[in-house]
Amino acid sequence: MGHRLSRITTRTGDAGETGLGDGARVPKDSARIQALGDVDELNSAIGAVLAEDVPPELREALERVQHDLFDLGGELSIPGHALLGAAHVQRLEDLIETHNATLAPLKEFILPGGSRAAAAAHLARTVCRRAERSLVALGRSAPVGQPARQYLNRLSDLLFVAGRVLNRHAGRGDTQWRHVRAKP
C-alpha cells in the first residue's frame, strides 16, 4: 500500500461524486455508496462494541468480522468483484451455534440493552440490518453476491447472540419484553 493514504483531503468529492475502486466516479447518494457507507458504519459500531469489556473468544471473532466487513467494502467498491464466500457465512453460523449453545433458551423476546457492551452489540445489530437492506436495494440495480447478503444476515444473528453473551459476561441477565403490562 505504500503511502497511499498520506494525503487525506483530496477535494475530488467536492462536486458530489466519489471514486470507486475501479476508478469509476459515482454520485455520493447512489445505492452503491449508500451500501458502502452502511457497511462502514457497521464496522465502526462493532469497533464500539470492542471498546468495551468483551470476552477473548468473542473479541477475536468480532475483530475478524471487522476485517471481513472491510473486504465487503472492497467488494462493493469494485462492481463485479467478490471477496466474501460461503466459508465466511459458514464461519458465522458456527460462531452463532457455539455461543448460543452456552445461553439459556429464550422464552420471550428480549429488549436491547443491559450492560454497555450488550447495548452496543444490539445497536450494531440494527446497523447491520440497515446495511443488509442497503445491499438488497443495491441488488435491484446491480449484481450483488449472494454470500455478501447472507453474511450480513448471519452477522445480525451473531450480534444478537453477542448481546446476550455480553450481558452474561457482565453478570446481568437479558431484559425480557413484558407483553402484558399494567396500563398507564
Protein backbone atom coordinates (compact mmCIF):
# COMPACT_ATOMS: atom_id res chain seq x y z
CA MET A 1 0.00 0.00 0.00
CA GLY A 2 2.97 2.32 0.45
CA HIS A 3 1.99 5.91 1.16
CA ARG A 4 -1.42 5.55 -0.43
CA LEU A 5 -3.24 7.30 2.40
CA SER A 6 -0.70 10.00 3.15
CA ARG A 7 -2.99 12.68 1.71
CA ILE A 8 -6.43 12.61 3.34
CA THR A 9 -8.02 15.75 1.87
CA THR A 10 -8.19 15.32 -1.90
CA ARG A 11 -11.13 17.62 -2.80
CA THR A 12 -12.15 15.13 -5.51
CA GLY A 13 -15.56 14.66 -3.92
CA ASP A 14 -16.49 18.30 -3.59
CA ALA A 15 -18.88 18.12 -6.56
CA GLY A 16 -20.95 15.32 -5.00
CA GLU A 17 -19.24 12.35 -6.64
CA THR A 18 -16.78 9.81 -5.31
CA GLY A 19 -14.43 7.30 -6.85
CA LEU A 20 -14.88 3.54 -6.79
CA GLY A 21 -12.05 1.05 -6.56
CA ASP A 22 -12.18 0.51 -10.32
CA GLY A 23 -11.72 4.23 -10.99
CA ALA A 24 -15.36 4.93 -11.92
CA ARG A 25 -16.98 8.09 -10.50
CA VAL A 26 -20.46 7.79 -8.99
CA PRO A 27 -22.83 10.14 -7.16
CA LYS A 28 -22.36 10.08 -3.39
CA ASP A 29 -26.06 9.32 -2.97
CA SER A 30 -26.05 6.25 -5.22
CA ALA A 31 -27.25 2.90 -3.90
CA ARG A 32 -23.68 1.56 -4.07
CA ILE A 33 -22.28 4.37 -1.93
CA GLN A 34 -25.23 4.04 0.48
CA ALA A 35 -24.38 0.34 0.93
CA LEU A 36 -20.68 1.14 1.34
CA GLY A 37 -21.48 3.77 3.96
CA ASP A 38 -23.76 1.46 5.89
CA VAL A 39 -21.13 -1.30 5.92
CA ASP A 40 -18.56 1.25 7.11
CA GLU A 41 -20.93 2.41 9.86
CA LEU A 42 -21.47 -1.21 10.87
CA ASN A 43 -17.73 -1.75 11.14
CA SER A 44 -17.50 1.34 13.35
CA ALA A 45 -20.39 0.11 15.51
CA ILE A 46 -18.55 -3.18 16.04
CA GLY A 47 -15.50 -1.12 16.97
CA ALA A 48 -17.62 0.49 19.69
CA VAL A 49 -18.53 -2.99 20.99
CA LEU A 50 -14.84 -3.89 21.05
CA ALA A 51 -14.06 -0.76 23.09
CA GLU A 52 -15.96 -2.44 25.94
CA ASP A 53 -15.12 -5.44 28.10
CA VAL A 54 -15.54 -8.37 25.70
CA PRO A 55 -14.56 -11.99 26.42
CA PRO A 56 -11.44 -13.01 24.44
CA GLU A 57 -13.13 -15.57 22.16
CA LEU A 58 -15.89 -13.12 21.20
CA ARG A 59 -13.35 -10.31 20.79
CA GLU A 60 -11.34 -12.44 18.37
CA ALA A 61 -14.48 -13.30 16.38
CA LEU A 62 -15.62 -9.67 16.14
CA GLU A 63 -12.15 -8.46 15.16
CA ARG A 64 -12.20 -10.98 12.32
CA VAL A 65 -15.66 -9.73 11.35
CA GLN A 66 -14.24 -6.21 11.10
CA HIS A 67 -11.69 -7.45 8.56
CA ASP A 68 -14.47 -9.24 6.65
CA LEU A 69 -16.51 -6.03 6.57
CA PHE A 70 -13.54 -4.15 5.19
CA ASP A 71 -13.33 -6.82 2.49
CA LEU A 72 -17.06 -6.40 1.84
CA GLY A 73 -16.45 -2.68 1.40
CA GLY A 74 -13.78 -3.56 -1.15
CA GLU A 75 -16.23 -5.87 -2.89
CA LEU A 76 -18.78 -3.07 -3.07
CA SER A 77 -16.22 -0.55 -4.33
CA ILE A 78 -15.30 -2.73 -7.32
CA PRO A 79 -18.50 -3.77 -9.13
CA GLY A 80 -18.44 -7.45 -10.04
CA HIS A 81 -15.64 -8.26 -7.58
CA ALA A 82 -16.27 -10.91 -4.89
CA LEU A 83 -14.26 -11.28 -1.69
CA LEU A 84 -16.75 -12.98 0.64
CA GLY A 85 -17.73 -16.57 0.04
CA ALA A 86 -19.61 -19.47 1.55
CA ALA A 87 -16.80 -20.16 4.04
CA HIS A 88 -17.29 -16.70 5.57
CA VAL A 89 -21.00 -17.36 6.02
CA GLN A 90 -20.33 -20.80 7.49
CA ARG A 91 -17.85 -19.34 9.99
CA LEU A 92 -20.58 -17.00 11.28
CA GLU A 93 -23.07 -19.85 11.50
CA ASP A 94 -20.55 -21.87 13.53
CA LEU A 95 -19.93 -18.92 15.86
CA ILE A 96 -23.67 -18.44 16.37
CA GLU A 97 -24.14 -22.11 17.25
CA THR A 98 -21.13 -22.18 19.58
CA HIS A 99 -22.08 -19.06 21.54
CA ASN A 100 -25.83 -19.68 21.55
CA ALA A 101 -25.30 -23.17 22.98
CA THR A 102 -23.93 -21.57 26.15
CA LEU A 103 -27.05 -19.44 26.71
CA ALA A 104 -30.36 -20.27 28.34
CA PRO A 105 -33.16 -20.78 25.81
CA LEU A 106 -35.30 -17.72 25.20
CA LYS A 107 -38.91 -17.95 26.31
CA GLU A 108 -39.78 -14.38 25.38
CA PHE A 109 -38.45 -11.55 23.22
CA ILE A 110 -35.72 -9.50 24.86
CA LEU A 111 -35.18 -5.77 24.90
CA PRO A 112 -31.89 -4.42 23.56
CA GLY A 113 -29.70 -3.29 26.40
CA GLY A 114 -28.34 -4.46 29.71
CA SER A 115 -24.64 -3.78 30.00
CA ARG A 116 -22.94 -1.09 27.89
CA ALA A 117 -21.26 -3.78 25.81
CA ALA A 118 -24.54 -5.63 25.21
CA ALA A 119 -26.32 -2.39 24.31
CA ALA A 120 -23.51 -1.63 21.82
CA ALA A 121 -23.89 -5.12 20.31
CA HIS A 122 -27.64 -4.61 19.88
CA LEU A 123 -27.03 -1.22 18.27
CA ALA A 124 -24.51 -2.84 15.91
CA ARG A 125 -27.16 -5.48 15.12
CA THR A 126 -29.62 -2.80 14.00
CA VAL A 127 -26.94 -1.08 11.90
CA CYS A 128 -26.20 -4.49 10.38
CA ARG A 129 -29.86 -4.90 9.40
CA ARG A 130 -29.74 -1.48 7.72
CA ALA A 131 -26.57 -2.44 5.84
CA GLU A 132 -28.32 -5.63 4.72
CA ARG A 133 -31.31 -3.62 3.46
CA SER A 134 -28.92 -1.33 1.55
CA LEU A 135 -27.25 -4.33 -0.06
CA VAL A 136 -30.64 -5.70 -1.09
CA ALA A 137 -31.58 -2.31 -2.54
CA LEU A 138 -28.31 -2.18 -4.49
CA GLY A 139 -29.05 -5.67 -5.78
CA ARG A 140 -32.15 -4.34 -7.55
CA SER A 141 -29.96 -2.35 -9.94
CA ALA A 142 -26.57 -4.08 -9.87
CA PRO A 143 -25.24 -7.58 -9.21
CA VAL A 144 -24.58 -8.29 -5.53
CA GLY A 145 -23.03 -11.55 -4.43
CA GLN A 146 -25.30 -13.91 -2.53
CA PRO A 147 -22.58 -14.61 0.08
CA ALA A 148 -22.42 -10.88 0.88
CA ARG A 149 -26.16 -10.74 1.59
CA GLN A 150 -26.03 -13.98 3.57
CA TYR A 151 -23.05 -12.73 5.55
CA LEU A 152 -24.89 -9.64 6.77
CA ASN A 153 -27.98 -11.69 7.55
CA ARG A 154 -25.94 -14.11 9.71
CA LEU A 155 -23.91 -11.29 11.25
CA SER A 156 -27.04 -9.66 12.65
CA ASP A 157 -27.87 -13.01 14.30
CA LEU A 158 -24.35 -13.24 15.71
CA LEU A 159 -24.63 -9.71 17.12
CA PHE A 160 -27.92 -10.65 18.80
CA VAL A 161 -26.26 -13.66 20.43
CA ALA A 162 -23.23 -11.49 21.28
CA GLY A 163 -25.51 -9.08 23.17
CA ARG A 164 -26.74 -11.94 25.29
CA VAL A 165 -23.21 -13.28 25.84
CA LEU A 166 -22.03 -9.82 26.85
CA ASN A 167 -24.85 -9.41 29.36
CA ARG A 168 -23.94 -12.74 30.91
CA HIS A 169 -20.25 -11.75 30.92
CA ALA A 170 -21.20 -8.58 32.83
CA GLY A 171 -23.20 -10.62 35.35
CA ARG A 172 -26.54 -9.40 34.02
CA GLY A 173 -29.47 -11.23 32.56
CA ASP A 174 -31.46 -10.35 29.50
CA THR A 175 -34.29 -7.87 29.89
CA GLN A 176 -37.35 -9.73 28.74
CA TRP A 177 -40.16 -7.95 26.98
CA ARG A 178 -43.30 -7.91 29.05
CA HIS A 179 -46.13 -8.22 26.57
CA VAL A 180 -48.65 -7.95 29.39
CA ARG A 181 -48.10 -4.73 31.33
CA ALA A 182 -50.10 -2.64 33.70
CA LYS A 183 -51.94 0.11 31.87
CA PRO A 184 -50.58 3.62 32.48
